[in-house]
Full PDB file with SEQRES, HELIX, SHEET, SSBOND, CRYST1, ORIGX, SCALE, CONECT and MASTER records, all heavy atoms in Angstrom:
SEQRES   1 A   45  SER LEU LEU ALA ILE SER GLY GLY ARG TRP ALA VAL LEU          
SEQRES   2 A   45  GLY ILE LEU PHE VAL HIS LEU VAL LEU ALA VAL GLU GLY          
SEQRES   3 A   45  LEU LEU TRP ARG ALA ALA ARG VAL SER SER ASP VAL LEU          
SEQRES   4 A   45  VAL TRP LEU LEU GLY ALA                                      
HELIX    1 AA1 LEU A    2  LEU A   27  1                                  26    
HELIX    2 AA2 TRP A   29  VAL A   34  1                                   6    
HELIX    3 AA3 ASP A   37  GLY A   44  1                                   8    
CRYST1    1.000    1.000    1.000  90.00  90.00  90.00 P 1           1          
ORIGX1      1.000000  0.000000  0.000000        0.00000                         
ORIGX2      0.000000  1.000000  0.000000        0.00000                         
ORIGX3      0.000000  0.000000  1.000000        0.00000                         
SCALE1      1.000000  0.000000  0.000000        0.00000                         
SCALE2      0.000000  1.000000  0.000000        0.00000                         
SCALE3      0.000000  0.000000  1.000000        0.00000                         
ATOM      1  N   SER A   1     113.922  87.524 106.518  1.00  0.00           N  
ATOM      2  CA  SER A   1     114.009  86.125 106.933  1.00  0.00           C  
ATOM      3  C   SER A   1     112.677  85.414 106.747  1.00  0.00           C  
ATOM      4  O   SER A   1     112.615  84.280 106.245  1.00  0.00           O  
ATOM      5  CB  SER A   1     114.441  86.024 108.396  1.00  0.00           C  
ATOM      6  OG  SER A   1     115.788  86.393 108.560  1.00  0.00           O  
ATOM      7  N   LEU A   2     111.595  86.064 107.158  1.00  0.00           N  
ATOM      8  CA  LEU A   2     110.267  85.466 107.021  1.00  0.00           C  
ATOM      9  C   LEU A   2     109.925  85.228 105.559  1.00  0.00           C  
ATOM     10  O   LEU A   2     109.393  84.172 105.190  1.00  0.00           O  
ATOM     11  CB  LEU A   2     109.221  86.378 107.673  1.00  0.00           C  
ATOM     12  CG  LEU A   2     107.773  85.883 107.638  1.00  0.00           C  
ATOM     13  CD1 LEU A   2     107.644  84.557 108.381  1.00  0.00           C  
ATOM     14  CD2 LEU A   2     106.843  86.927 108.239  1.00  0.00           C  
ATOM     15  N   LEU A   3     110.251  86.196 104.722  1.00  0.00           N  
ATOM     16  CA  LEU A   3     109.983  86.047 103.285  1.00  0.00           C  
ATOM     17  C   LEU A   3     110.793  84.907 102.699  1.00  0.00           C  
ATOM     18  O   LEU A   3     110.290  84.123 101.887  1.00  0.00           O  
ATOM     19  CB  LEU A   3     110.315  87.360 102.571  1.00  0.00           C  
ATOM     20  CG  LEU A   3     110.073  87.402 101.055  1.00  0.00           C  
ATOM     21  CD1 LEU A   3     108.596  87.185 100.752  1.00  0.00           C  
ATOM     22  CD2 LEU A   3     110.542  88.736 100.485  1.00  0.00           C  
ATOM     23  N   ALA A   4     112.046  84.790 103.118  1.00  0.00           N  
ATOM     24  CA  ALA A   4     112.928  83.758 102.573  1.00  0.00           C  
ATOM     25  C   ALA A   4     112.450  82.355 102.919  1.00  0.00           C  
ATOM     26  O   ALA A   4     112.505  81.447 102.081  1.00  0.00           O  
ATOM     27  CB  ALA A   4     114.350  83.971 103.080  1.00  0.00           C  
ATOM     28  N   ILE A   5     111.974  82.147 104.154  1.00  0.00           N  
ATOM     29  CA  ILE A   5     111.586  80.787 104.565  1.00  0.00           C  
ATOM     30  C   ILE A   5     110.156  80.436 104.172  1.00  0.00           C  
ATOM     31  O   ILE A   5     109.795  79.258 104.143  1.00  0.00           O  
ATOM     32  CB  ILE A   5     111.759  80.592 106.092  1.00  0.00           C  
ATOM     33  CG1 ILE A   5     110.844  81.524 106.882  1.00  0.00           C  
ATOM     34  CG2 ILE A   5     113.211  80.775 106.492  1.00  0.00           C  
ATOM     35  CD1 ILE A   5     110.906  81.294 108.387  1.00  0.00           C  
ATOM     36  N   SER A   6     109.359  81.448 103.851  1.00  0.00           N  
ATOM     37  CA  SER A   6     107.959  81.170 103.512  1.00  0.00           C  
ATOM     38  C   SER A   6     107.679  81.288 102.022  1.00  0.00           C  
ATOM     39  O   SER A   6     106.703  80.713 101.528  1.00  0.00           O  
ATOM     40  CB  SER A   6     107.026  82.114 104.280  1.00  0.00           C  
ATOM     41  OG  SER A   6     107.269  83.471 103.915  1.00  0.00           O  
ATOM     42  N   GLY A   7     108.518  82.013 101.305  1.00  0.00           N  
ATOM     43  CA  GLY A   7     108.230  82.280  99.892  1.00  0.00           C  
ATOM     44  C   GLY A   7     108.921  81.370  98.912  1.00  0.00           C  
ATOM     45  O   GLY A   7     108.695  81.481  97.700  1.00  0.00           O  
ATOM     46  N   GLY A   8     109.805  80.493  99.386  1.00  0.00           N  
ATOM     47  CA  GLY A   8     110.467  79.561  98.478  1.00  0.00           C  
ATOM     48  C   GLY A   8     111.536  80.205  97.615  1.00  0.00           C  
ATOM     49  O   GLY A   8     112.017  81.307  97.893  1.00  0.00           O  
ATOM     50  N   ARG A   9     111.896  79.512  96.551  1.00  0.00           N  
ATOM     51  CA  ARG A   9     113.016  79.921  95.701  1.00  0.00           C  
ATOM     52  C   ARG A   9     112.815  81.302  95.090  1.00  0.00           C  
ATOM     53  O   ARG A   9     113.747  82.096  95.015  1.00  0.00           O  
ATOM     54  CB  ARG A   9     113.233  78.897  94.596  1.00  0.00           C  
ATOM     55  CG  ARG A   9     114.378  79.273  93.645  1.00  0.00           C  
ATOM     56  CD  ARG A   9     114.616  78.195  92.609  1.00  0.00           C  
ATOM     57  NE  ARG A   9     115.608  78.607  91.626  1.00  0.00           N  
ATOM     58  CZ  ARG A   9     116.922  78.558  91.809  1.00  0.00           C  
ATOM     59  NH1 ARG A   9     117.407  78.105  92.956  1.00  0.00           N  
ATOM     60  NH2 ARG A   9     117.757  78.947  90.867  1.00  0.00           N  
ATOM     61  N   TRP A  10     111.591  81.596  94.653  1.00  0.00           N  
ATOM     62  CA  TRP A  10     111.378  82.887  94.004  1.00  0.00           C  
ATOM     63  C   TRP A  10     111.531  84.049  94.985  1.00  0.00           C  
ATOM     64  O   TRP A  10     111.975  85.135  94.607  1.00  0.00           O  
ATOM     65  CB  TRP A  10     110.013  82.917  93.332  1.00  0.00           C  
ATOM     66  CG  TRP A  10     109.968  82.059  92.106  1.00  0.00           C  
ATOM     67  CD1 TRP A  10     109.344  80.864  91.958  1.00  0.00           C  
ATOM     68  CD2 TRP A  10     110.633  82.323  90.857  1.00  0.00           C  
ATOM     69  NE1 TRP A  10     109.565  80.351  90.699  1.00  0.00           N  
ATOM     70  CE2 TRP A  10     110.349  81.222  90.002  1.00  0.00           C  
ATOM     71  CE3 TRP A  10     111.435  83.359  90.382  1.00  0.00           C  
ATOM     72  CZ2 TRP A  10     110.831  81.148  88.698  1.00  0.00           C  
ATOM     73  CZ3 TRP A  10     111.925  83.301  89.086  1.00  0.00           C  
ATOM     74  CH2 TRP A  10     111.628  82.203  88.262  1.00  0.00           C  
ATOM     75  N   ALA A  11     111.166  83.826  96.223  1.00  0.00           N  
ATOM     76  CA  ALA A  11     111.373  84.864  97.232  1.00  0.00           C  
ATOM     77  C   ALA A  11     112.861  85.084  97.470  1.00  0.00           C  
ATOM     78  O   ALA A  11     113.321  86.236  97.583  1.00  0.00           O  
ATOM     79  CB  ALA A  11     110.689  84.471  98.538  1.00  0.00           C  
ATOM     80  N   VAL A  12     113.624  83.996  97.533  1.00  0.00           N  
ATOM     81  CA  VAL A  12     115.071  84.108  97.699  1.00  0.00           C  
ATOM     82  C   VAL A  12     115.683  84.850  96.515  1.00  0.00           C  
ATOM     83  O   VAL A  12     116.531  85.740  96.673  1.00  0.00           O  
ATOM     84  CB  VAL A  12     115.708  82.715  97.857  1.00  0.00           C  
ATOM     85  CG1 VAL A  12     117.236  82.809  97.812  1.00  0.00           C  
ATOM     86  CG2 VAL A  12     115.259  82.075  99.161  1.00  0.00           C  
ATOM     87  N   LEU A  13     115.242  84.502  95.309  1.00  0.00           N  
ATOM     88  CA  LEU A  13     115.741  85.188  94.117  1.00  0.00           C  
ATOM     89  C   LEU A  13     115.398  86.675  94.160  1.00  0.00           C  
ATOM     90  O   LEU A  13     116.207  87.523  93.772  1.00  0.00           O  
ATOM     91  CB  LEU A  13     115.150  84.549  92.859  1.00  0.00           C  
ATOM     92  CG  LEU A  13     115.742  83.199  92.445  1.00  0.00           C  
ATOM     93  CD1 LEU A  13     114.913  82.570  91.333  1.00  0.00           C  
ATOM     94  CD2 LEU A  13     117.195  83.371  91.989  1.00  0.00           C  
ATOM     95  N   GLY A  14     114.206  87.003  94.640  1.00  0.00           N  
ATOM     96  CA  GLY A  14     113.821  88.407  94.737  1.00  0.00           C  
ATOM     97  C   GLY A  14     114.693  89.178  95.713  1.00  0.00           C  
ATOM     98  O   GLY A  14     115.127  90.299  95.429  1.00  0.00           O  
ATOM     99  N   ILE A  15     114.953  88.567  96.877  1.00  0.00           N  
ATOM    100  CA  ILE A  15     115.823  89.209  97.869  1.00  0.00           C  
ATOM    101  C   ILE A  15     117.218  89.418  97.303  1.00  0.00           C  
ATOM    102  O   ILE A  15     117.814  90.493  97.441  1.00  0.00           O  
ATOM    103  CB  ILE A  15     115.877  88.353  99.146  1.00  0.00           C  
ATOM    104  CG1 ILE A  15     114.520  88.345  99.849  1.00  0.00           C  
ATOM    105  CG2 ILE A  15     116.957  88.871 100.108  1.00  0.00           C  
ATOM    106  CD1 ILE A  15     114.426  87.349 100.984  1.00  0.00           C  
ATOM    107  N   LEU A  16     117.740  88.391  96.645  1.00  0.00           N  
ATOM    108  CA  LEU A  16     119.074  88.504  96.064  1.00  0.00           C  
ATOM    109  C   LEU A  16     119.099  89.559  94.972  1.00  0.00           C  
ATOM    110  O   LEU A  16     120.022  90.388  94.907  1.00  0.00           O  
ATOM    111  CB  LEU A  16     119.513  87.151  95.500  1.00  0.00           C  
ATOM    112  CG  LEU A  16     119.808  86.045  96.511  1.00  0.00           C  
ATOM    113  CD1 LEU A  16     120.134  84.740  95.793  1.00  0.00           C  
ATOM    114  CD2 LEU A  16     120.952  86.442  97.428  1.00  0.00           C  
ATOM    115  N   PHE A  17     118.102  89.564  94.098  1.00  0.00           N  
ATOM    116  CA  PHE A  17     118.074  90.522  92.994  1.00  0.00           C  
ATOM    117  C   PHE A  17     118.085  91.958  93.490  1.00  0.00           C  
ATOM    118  O   PHE A  17     118.892  92.783  93.044  1.00  0.00           O  
ATOM    119  CB  PHE A  17     116.842  90.276  92.117  1.00  0.00           C  
ATOM    120  CG  PHE A  17     116.591  91.357  91.115  1.00  0.00           C  
ATOM    121  CD1 PHE A  17     117.427  91.522  90.022  1.00  0.00           C  
ATOM    122  CD2 PHE A  17     115.523  92.232  91.267  1.00  0.00           C  
ATOM    123  CE1 PHE A  17     117.198  92.535  89.088  1.00  0.00           C  
ATOM    124  CE2 PHE A  17     115.283  93.244  90.354  1.00  0.00           C  
ATOM    125  CZ  PHE A  17     116.126  93.398  89.254  1.00  0.00           C  
ATOM    126  N   VAL A  18     117.187  92.273  94.406  1.00  0.00           N  
ATOM    127  CA  VAL A  18     117.095  93.649  94.914  1.00  0.00           C  
ATOM    128  C   VAL A  18     118.415  94.097  95.532  1.00  0.00           C  
ATOM    129  O   VAL A  18     118.927  95.179  95.231  1.00  0.00           O  
ATOM    130  CB  VAL A  18     115.951  93.762  95.946  1.00  0.00           C  
ATOM    131  CG1 VAL A  18     116.025  95.098  96.683  1.00  0.00           C  
ATOM    132  CG2 VAL A  18     114.605  93.612  95.260  1.00  0.00           C  
ATOM    133  N   HIS A  19     118.996  93.251  96.353  1.00  0.00           N  
ATOM    134  CA  HIS A  19     120.207  93.662  97.061  1.00  0.00           C  
ATOM    135  C   HIS A  19     121.442  93.636  96.165  1.00  0.00           C  
ATOM    136  O   HIS A  19     122.373  94.437  96.356  1.00  0.00           O  
ATOM    137  CB  HIS A  19     120.411  92.787  98.304  1.00  0.00           C  
ATOM    138  CG  HIS A  19     119.429  93.080  99.389  1.00  0.00           C  
ATOM    139  ND1 HIS A  19     118.235  92.405  99.515  1.00  0.00           N  
ATOM    140  CD2 HIS A  19     119.447  94.005 100.386  1.00  0.00           C  
ATOM    141  CE1 HIS A  19     117.563  92.894 100.542  1.00  0.00           C  
ATOM    142  NE2 HIS A  19     118.278  93.857 101.095  1.00  0.00           N  
ATOM    143  N   LEU A  20     121.452  92.759  95.172  1.00  0.00           N  
ATOM    144  CA  LEU A  20     122.588  92.760  94.241  1.00  0.00           C  
ATOM    145  C   LEU A  20     122.562  93.993  93.346  1.00  0.00           C  
ATOM    146  O   LEU A  20     123.610  94.565  93.036  1.00  0.00           O  
ATOM    147  CB  LEU A  20     122.574  91.486  93.399  1.00  0.00           C  
ATOM    148  CG  LEU A  20     122.974  90.207  94.137  1.00  0.00           C  
ATOM    149  CD1 LEU A  20     122.762  88.987  93.264  1.00  0.00           C  
ATOM    150  CD2 LEU A  20     124.420  90.272  94.604  1.00  0.00           C  
ATOM    151  N   VAL A  21     121.385  94.417  92.920  1.00  0.00           N  
ATOM    152  CA  VAL A  21     121.288  95.662  92.145  1.00  0.00           C  
ATOM    153  C   VAL A  21     121.784  96.838  92.981  1.00  0.00           C  
ATOM    154  O   VAL A  21     122.549  97.690  92.502  1.00  0.00           O  
ATOM    155  CB  VAL A  21     119.837  95.902  91.674  1.00  0.00           C  
ATOM    156  CG1 VAL A  21     119.678  97.324  91.127  1.00  0.00           C  
ATOM    157  CG2 VAL A  21     119.453  94.899  90.596  1.00  0.00           C  
ATOM    158  N   LEU A  22     121.361  96.884  94.233  1.00  0.00           N  
ATOM    159  CA  LEU A  22     121.822  97.956  95.115  1.00  0.00           C  
ATOM    160  C   LEU A  22     123.326  97.872  95.350  1.00  0.00           C  
ATOM    161  O   LEU A  22     124.011  98.906  95.408  1.00  0.00           O  
ATOM    162  CB  LEU A  22     121.085  97.895  96.454  1.00  0.00           C  
ATOM    163  CG  LEU A  22     119.591  98.208  96.414  1.00  0.00           C  
ATOM    164  CD1 LEU A  22     118.968  98.037  97.796  1.00  0.00           C  
ATOM    165  CD2 LEU A  22     119.356  99.624  95.901  1.00  0.00           C  
ATOM    166  N   ALA A  23     123.862  96.645  95.470  1.00  0.00           N  
ATOM    167  CA  ALA A  23     125.306  96.486  95.663  1.00  0.00           C  
ATOM    168  C   ALA A  23     126.070  96.996  94.455  1.00  0.00           C  
ATOM    169  O   ALA A  23     127.116  97.648  94.592  1.00  0.00           O  
ATOM    170  CB  ALA A  23     125.639  95.018  95.924  1.00  0.00           C  
ATOM    171  N   VAL A  24     125.569  96.724  93.257  1.00  0.00           N  
ATOM    172  CA  VAL A  24     126.205  97.246  92.036  1.00  0.00           C  
ATOM    173  C   VAL A  24     126.161  98.772  92.037  1.00  0.00           C  
ATOM    174  O   VAL A  24     127.152  99.439  91.719  1.00  0.00           O  
ATOM    175  CB  VAL A  24     125.511  96.686  90.780  1.00  0.00           C  
ATOM    176  CG1 VAL A  24     126.002  97.395  89.526  1.00  0.00           C  
ATOM    177  CG2 VAL A  24     125.759  95.186  90.658  1.00  0.00           C  
ATOM    178  N   GLU A  25     125.007  99.326  92.403  1.00  0.00           N  
ATOM    179  CA  GLU A  25     124.870 100.790  92.429  1.00  0.00           C  
ATOM    180  C   GLU A  25     125.823 101.415  93.440  1.00  0.00           C  
ATOM    181  O   GLU A  25     126.326 102.528  93.221  1.00  0.00           O  
ATOM    182  CB  GLU A  25     123.430 101.170  92.780  1.00  0.00           C  
ATOM    183  CG  GLU A  25     122.404 100.829  91.719  1.00  0.00           C  
ATOM    184  CD  GLU A  25     122.419 101.801  90.562  1.00  0.00           C  
ATOM    185  OE1 GLU A  25     123.135 102.820  90.630  1.00  0.00           O  
ATOM    186  OE2 GLU A  25     121.711 101.535  89.570  1.00  0.00           O  
ATOM    187  N   GLY A  26     126.080 100.704  94.541  1.00  0.00           N  
ATOM    188  CA  GLY A  26     126.954 101.268  95.564  1.00  0.00           C  
ATOM    189  C   GLY A  26     128.419 101.001  95.329  1.00  0.00           C  
ATOM    190  O   GLY A  26     129.237 101.924  95.354  1.00  0.00           O  
ATOM    191  N   LEU A  27     128.768  99.743  95.069  1.00  0.00           N  
ATOM    192  CA  LEU A  27     130.181  99.366  94.935  1.00  0.00           C  
ATOM    193  C   LEU A  27     130.765  99.748  93.584  1.00  0.00           C  
ATOM    194  O   LEU A  27     131.950 100.077  93.484  1.00  0.00           O  
ATOM    195  CB  LEU A  27     130.332  97.855  95.157  1.00  0.00           C  
ATOM    196  CG  LEU A  27     129.925  97.326  96.536  1.00  0.00           C  
ATOM    197  CD1 LEU A  27     129.997  95.808  96.562  1.00  0.00           C  
ATOM    198  CD2 LEU A  27     130.822  97.924  97.628  1.00  0.00           C  
ATOM    199  N   LEU A  28     129.941  99.688  92.546  1.00  0.00           N  
ATOM    200  CA  LEU A  28     130.402 100.008  91.187  1.00  0.00           C  
ATOM    201  C   LEU A  28     129.686 101.252  90.678  1.00  0.00           C  
ATOM    202  O   LEU A  28     129.256 101.329  89.536  1.00  0.00           O  
ATOM    203  CB  LEU A  28     130.137  98.824  90.249  1.00  0.00           C  
ATOM    204  CG  LEU A  28     130.751  97.479  90.666  1.00  0.00           C  
ATOM    205  CD1 LEU A  28     130.330  96.387  89.691  1.00  0.00           C  
ATOM    206  CD2 LEU A  28     132.268  97.575  90.746  1.00  0.00           C  
ATOM    207  N   TRP A  29     129.596 102.245  91.538  1.00  0.00           N  
ATOM    208  CA  TRP A  29     128.742 103.384  91.244  1.00  0.00           C  
ATOM    209  C   TRP A  29     129.172 104.161  90.011  1.00  0.00           C  
ATOM    210  O   TRP A  29     128.337 104.672  89.258  1.00  0.00           O  
ATOM    211  CB  TRP A  29     128.677 104.317  92.450  1.00  0.00           C  
ATOM    212  CG  TRP A  29     129.979 104.961  92.821  1.00  0.00           C  
ATOM    213  CD1 TRP A  29     130.972 104.415  93.554  1.00  0.00           C  
ATOM    214  CD2 TRP A  29     130.411 106.279  92.462  1.00  0.00           C  
ATOM    215  NE1 TRP A  29     132.011 105.298  93.701  1.00  0.00           N  
ATOM    216  CE2 TRP A  29     131.695 106.456  93.035  1.00  0.00           C  
ATOM    217  CE3 TRP A  29     129.843 107.316  91.730  1.00  0.00           C  
ATOM    218  CZ2 TRP A  29     132.422 107.632  92.878  1.00  0.00           C  
ATOM    219  CZ3 TRP A  29     130.558 108.488  91.570  1.00  0.00           C  
ATOM    220  CH2 TRP A  29     131.832 108.640  92.145  1.00  0.00           C  
ATOM    221  N   ARG A  30     130.464 104.247  89.747  1.00  0.00           N  
ATOM    222  CA  ARG A  30     130.901 104.975  88.552  1.00  0.00           C  
ATOM    223  C   ARG A  30     130.419 104.277  87.281  1.00  0.00           C  
ATOM    224  O   ARG A  30     129.917 104.912  86.350  1.00  0.00           O  
ATOM    225  CB  ARG A  30     132.432 105.108  88.526  1.00  0.00           C  
ATOM    226  CG  ARG A  30     132.985 106.043  89.589  1.00  0.00           C  
ATOM    227  CD  ARG A  30     134.490 106.222  89.424  1.00  0.00           C  
ATOM    228  NE  ARG A  30     135.072 107.014  90.477  1.00  0.00           N  
ATOM    229  CZ  ARG A  30     135.107 108.348  90.485  1.00  0.00           C  
ATOM    230  NH1 ARG A  30     134.586 109.022  89.484  1.00  0.00           N  
ATOM    231  NH2 ARG A  30     135.652 108.995  91.492  1.00  0.00           N  
ATOM    232  N   ALA A  31     130.586 102.953  87.236  1.00  0.00           N  
ATOM    233  CA  ALA A  31     130.133 102.186  86.076  1.00  0.00           C  
ATOM    234  C   ALA A  31     128.615 102.202  85.973  1.00  0.00           C  
ATOM    235  O   ALA A  31     128.051 102.287  84.872  1.00  0.00           O  
ATOM    236  CB  ALA A  31     130.648 100.760  86.166  1.00  0.00           C  
ATOM    237  N   ALA A  32     127.935 102.109  87.117  1.00  0.00           N  
ATOM    238  CA  ALA A  32     126.474 102.091  87.109  1.00  0.00           C  
ATOM    239  C   ALA A  32     125.906 103.415  86.608  1.00  0.00           C  
ATOM    240  O   ALA A  32     124.873 103.443  85.928  1.00  0.00           O  
ATOM    241  CB  ALA A  32     125.950 101.789  88.504  1.00  0.00           C  
ATOM    242  N   ARG A  33     126.582 104.524  86.919  1.00  0.00           N  
ATOM    243  CA  ARG A  33     126.086 105.833  86.507  1.00  0.00           C  
ATOM    244  C   ARG A  33     126.095 105.988  84.986  1.00  0.00           C  
ATOM    245  O   ARG A  33     125.202 106.603  84.408  1.00  0.00           O  
ATOM    246  CB  ARG A  33     126.949 106.932  87.139  1.00  0.00           C  
ATOM    247  CG  ARG A  33     126.759 107.095  88.629  1.00  0.00           C  
ATOM    248  CD  ARG A  33     125.491 107.863  88.959  1.00  0.00           C  
ATOM    249  NE  ARG A  33     125.294 107.994  90.394  1.00  0.00           N  
ATOM    250  CZ  ARG A  33     125.801 108.973  91.131  1.00  0.00           C  
ATOM    251  NH1 ARG A  33     126.579 109.890  90.558  1.00  0.00           N  
ATOM    252  NH2 ARG A  33     125.558 109.034  92.414  1.00  0.00           N  
ATOM    253  N   VAL A  34     127.127 105.454  84.336  1.00  0.00           N  
ATOM    254  CA  VAL A  34     127.246 105.628  82.882  1.00  0.00           C  
ATOM    255  C   VAL A  34     126.581 104.493  82.122  1.00  0.00           C  
ATOM    256  O   VAL A  34     126.453 104.554  80.899  1.00  0.00           O  
ATOM    257  CB  VAL A  34     128.727 105.737  82.456  1.00  0.00           C  
ATOM    258  CG1 VAL A  34     129.385 106.932  83.120  1.00  0.00           C  
ATOM    259  CG2 VAL A  34     129.499 104.464  82.794  1.00  0.00           C  
ATOM    260  N   SER A  35     126.157 103.447  82.817  1.00  0.00           N  
ATOM    261  CA  SER A  35     125.488 102.325  82.177  1.00  0.00           C  
ATOM    262  C   SER A  35     123.980 102.548  82.201  1.00  0.00           C  
ATOM    263  O   SER A  35     123.464 103.441  82.876  1.00  0.00           O  
ATOM    264  CB  SER A  35     125.848 101.027  82.897  1.00  0.00           C  
ATOM    265  OG  SER A  35     125.210  99.930  82.308  1.00  0.00           O  
ATOM    266  N   SER A  36     123.245 101.734  81.459  1.00  0.00           N  
ATOM    267  CA  SER A  36     121.791 101.827  81.480  1.00  0.00           C  
ATOM    268  C   SER A  36     121.240 101.026  82.659  1.00  0.00           C  
ATOM    269  O   SER A  36     121.854 100.059  83.105  1.00  0.00           O  
ATOM    270  CB  SER A  36     121.195 101.290  80.176  1.00  0.00           C  
ATOM    271  OG  SER A  36     121.345  99.882  80.100  1.00  0.00           O  
ATOM    272  N   ASP A  37     120.073 101.428  83.137  1.00  0.00           N  
ATOM    273  CA  ASP A  37     119.451 100.709  84.251  1.00  0.00           C  
ATOM    274  C   ASP A  37     119.185  99.254  83.881  1.00  0.00           C  
ATOM    275  O   ASP A  37     119.337  98.353  84.719  1.00  0.00           O  
ATOM    276  CB  ASP A  37     118.138 101.388  84.646  1.00  0.00           C  
ATOM    277  CG  ASP A  37     118.350 102.725  85.319  1.00  0.00           C  
ATOM    278  OD1 ASP A  37     119.469 102.962  85.828  1.00  0.00           O  
ATOM    279  OD2 ASP A  37     117.409 103.538  85.338  1.00  0.00           O  
ATOM    280  N   VAL A  38     118.801  99.022  82.635  1.00  0.00           N  
ATOM    281  CA  VAL A  38     118.467  97.662  82.209  1.00  0.00           C  
ATOM    282  C   VAL A  38     119.667  96.738  82.340  1.00  0.00           C  
ATOM    283  O   VAL A  38     119.545  95.590  82.778  1.00  0.00           O  
ATOM    284  CB  VAL A  38     117.938  97.661  80.768  1.00  0.00           C  
ATOM    285  CG1 VAL A  38     117.715  96.231  80.278  1.00  0.00           C  
ATOM    286  CG2 VAL A  38     116.637  98.454  80.671  1.00  0.00           C  
ATOM    287  N   LEU A  39     120.863  97.220  81.979  1.00  0.00           N  
ATOM    288  CA  LEU A  39     122.068  96.401  82.098  1.00  0.00           C  
ATOM    289  C   LEU A  39     122.370  96.075  83.556  1.00  0.00           C  
ATOM    290  O   LEU A  39     122.779  94.957  83.884  1.00  0.00           O  
ATOM    291  CB  LEU A  39     123.257  97.118  81.454  1.00  0.00           C  
ATOM    292  CG  LEU A  39     123.256  97.199  79.929  1.00  0.00           C  
ATOM    293  CD1 LEU A  39     124.466  97.987  79.436  1.00  0.00           C  
ATOM    294  CD2 LEU A  39     123.250  95.802  79.314  1.00  0.00           C  
ATOM    295  N   VAL A  40     122.173  97.046  84.443  1.00  0.00           N  
ATOM    296  CA  VAL A  40     122.389  96.805  85.870  1.00  0.00           C  
ATOM    297  C   VAL A  40     121.388  95.770  86.375  1.00  0.00           C  
ATOM    298  O   VAL A  40     121.737  94.864  87.140  1.00  0.00           O  
ATOM    299  CB  VAL A  40     122.269  98.113  86.666  1.00  0.00           C  
ATOM    300  CG1 VAL A  40     122.360  97.843  88.167  1.00  0.00           C  
ATOM    301  CG2 VAL A  40     123.375  99.084  86.261  1.00  0.00           C  
ATOM    302  N   TRP A  41     120.127  95.887  85.950  1.00  0.00           N  
ATOM    303  CA  TRP A  41     119.114  94.916  86.373  1.00  0.00           C  
ATOM    304  C   TRP A  41     119.430  93.519  85.847  1.00  0.00           C  
ATOM    305  O   TRP A  41     119.260  92.530  86.565  1.00  0.00           O  
ATOM    306  CB  TRP A  41     117.731  95.354  85.892  1.00  0.00           C  
ATOM    307  CG  TRP A  41     117.300  96.680  86.430  1.00  0.00           C  
ATOM    308  CD1 TRP A  41     117.778  97.319  87.544  1.00  0.00           C  
ATOM    309  CD2 TRP A  41     116.320  97.549  85.858  1.00  0.00           C  
ATOM    310  NE1 TRP A  41     117.159  98.535  87.709  1.00  0.00           N  
ATOM    311  CE2 TRP A  41     116.258  98.712  86.697  1.00  0.00           C  
ATOM    312  CE3 TRP A  41     115.496  97.486  84.742  1.00  0.00           C  
ATOM    313  CZ2 TRP A  41     115.396  99.765  86.429  1.00  0.00           C  
ATOM    314  CZ3 TRP A  41     114.628  98.541  84.466  1.00  0.00           C  
ATOM    315  CH2 TRP A  41     114.588  99.663  85.308  1.00  0.00           C  
ATOM    316  N   LEU A  42     119.889  93.441  84.598  1.00  0.00           N  
ATOM    317  CA  LEU A  42     120.245  92.137  84.027  1.00  0.00           C  
ATOM    318  C   LEU A  42     121.423  91.525  84.781  1.00  0.00           C  
ATOM    319  O   LEU A  42     121.443  90.311  85.023  1.00  0.00           O  
ATOM    320  CB  LEU A  42     120.584  92.285  82.546  1.00  0.00           C  
ATOM    321  CG  LEU A  42     119.399  92.532  81.611  1.00  0.00           C  
ATOM    322  CD1 LEU A  42     119.901  92.794  80.185  1.00  0.00           C  
ATOM    323  CD2 LEU A  42     118.441  91.343  81.619  1.00  0.00           C  
ATOM    324  N   LEU A  43     122.391  92.352  85.143  1.00  0.00           N  
ATOM    325  CA  LEU A  43     123.532  91.859  85.913  1.00  0.00           C  
ATOM    326  C   LEU A  43     123.071  91.346  87.272  1.00  0.00           C  
ATOM    327  O   LEU A  43     123.473  90.266  87.715  1.00  0.00           O  
ATOM    328  CB  LEU A  43     124.564  92.974  86.090  1.00  0.00           C  
ATOM    329  CG  LEU A  43     125.797  92.636  86.949  1.00  0.00           C  
ATOM    330  CD1 LEU A  43     126.562  91.474  86.332  1.00  0.00           C  
ATOM    331  CD2 LEU A  43     126.695  93.867  87.094  1.00  0.00           C  
ATOM    332  N   GLY A  44     122.199  92.111  87.930  1.00  0.00           N  
ATOM    333  CA  GLY A  44     121.683  91.683  89.228  1.00  0.00           C  
ATOM    334  C   GLY A  44     120.882  90.399  89.129  1.00  0.00           C  
ATOM    335  O   GLY A  44     121.018  89.499  89.968  1.00  0.00           O  
ATOM    336  N   ALA A  45     120.049  90.284  88.100  1.00  0.00           N  
ATOM    337  CA  ALA A  45     119.217  89.095  87.932  1.00  0.00           C  
ATOM    338  C   ALA A  45     120.060  87.864  87.630  1.00  0.00           C  
ATOM    339  O   ALA A  45     119.827  86.788  88.198  1.00  0.00           O  
ATOM    340  CB  ALA A  45     118.193  89.321  86.820  1.00  0.00           C  
TER     341      ALA A  45                                                      
MASTER        0    0    0    3    0    0    0    6  340    1    0    4          
END                                                                             
């Protein structure tokens, strides 16, 4: 919360990126395992 309100848009994007990558790894774990890390990062970004 502190990072989100003090860091502006880029901080919000960072929070979203990290957690969306983790969500892909968890919810779509079968696809994430056979895919490349770069594709997962691009999807999260």
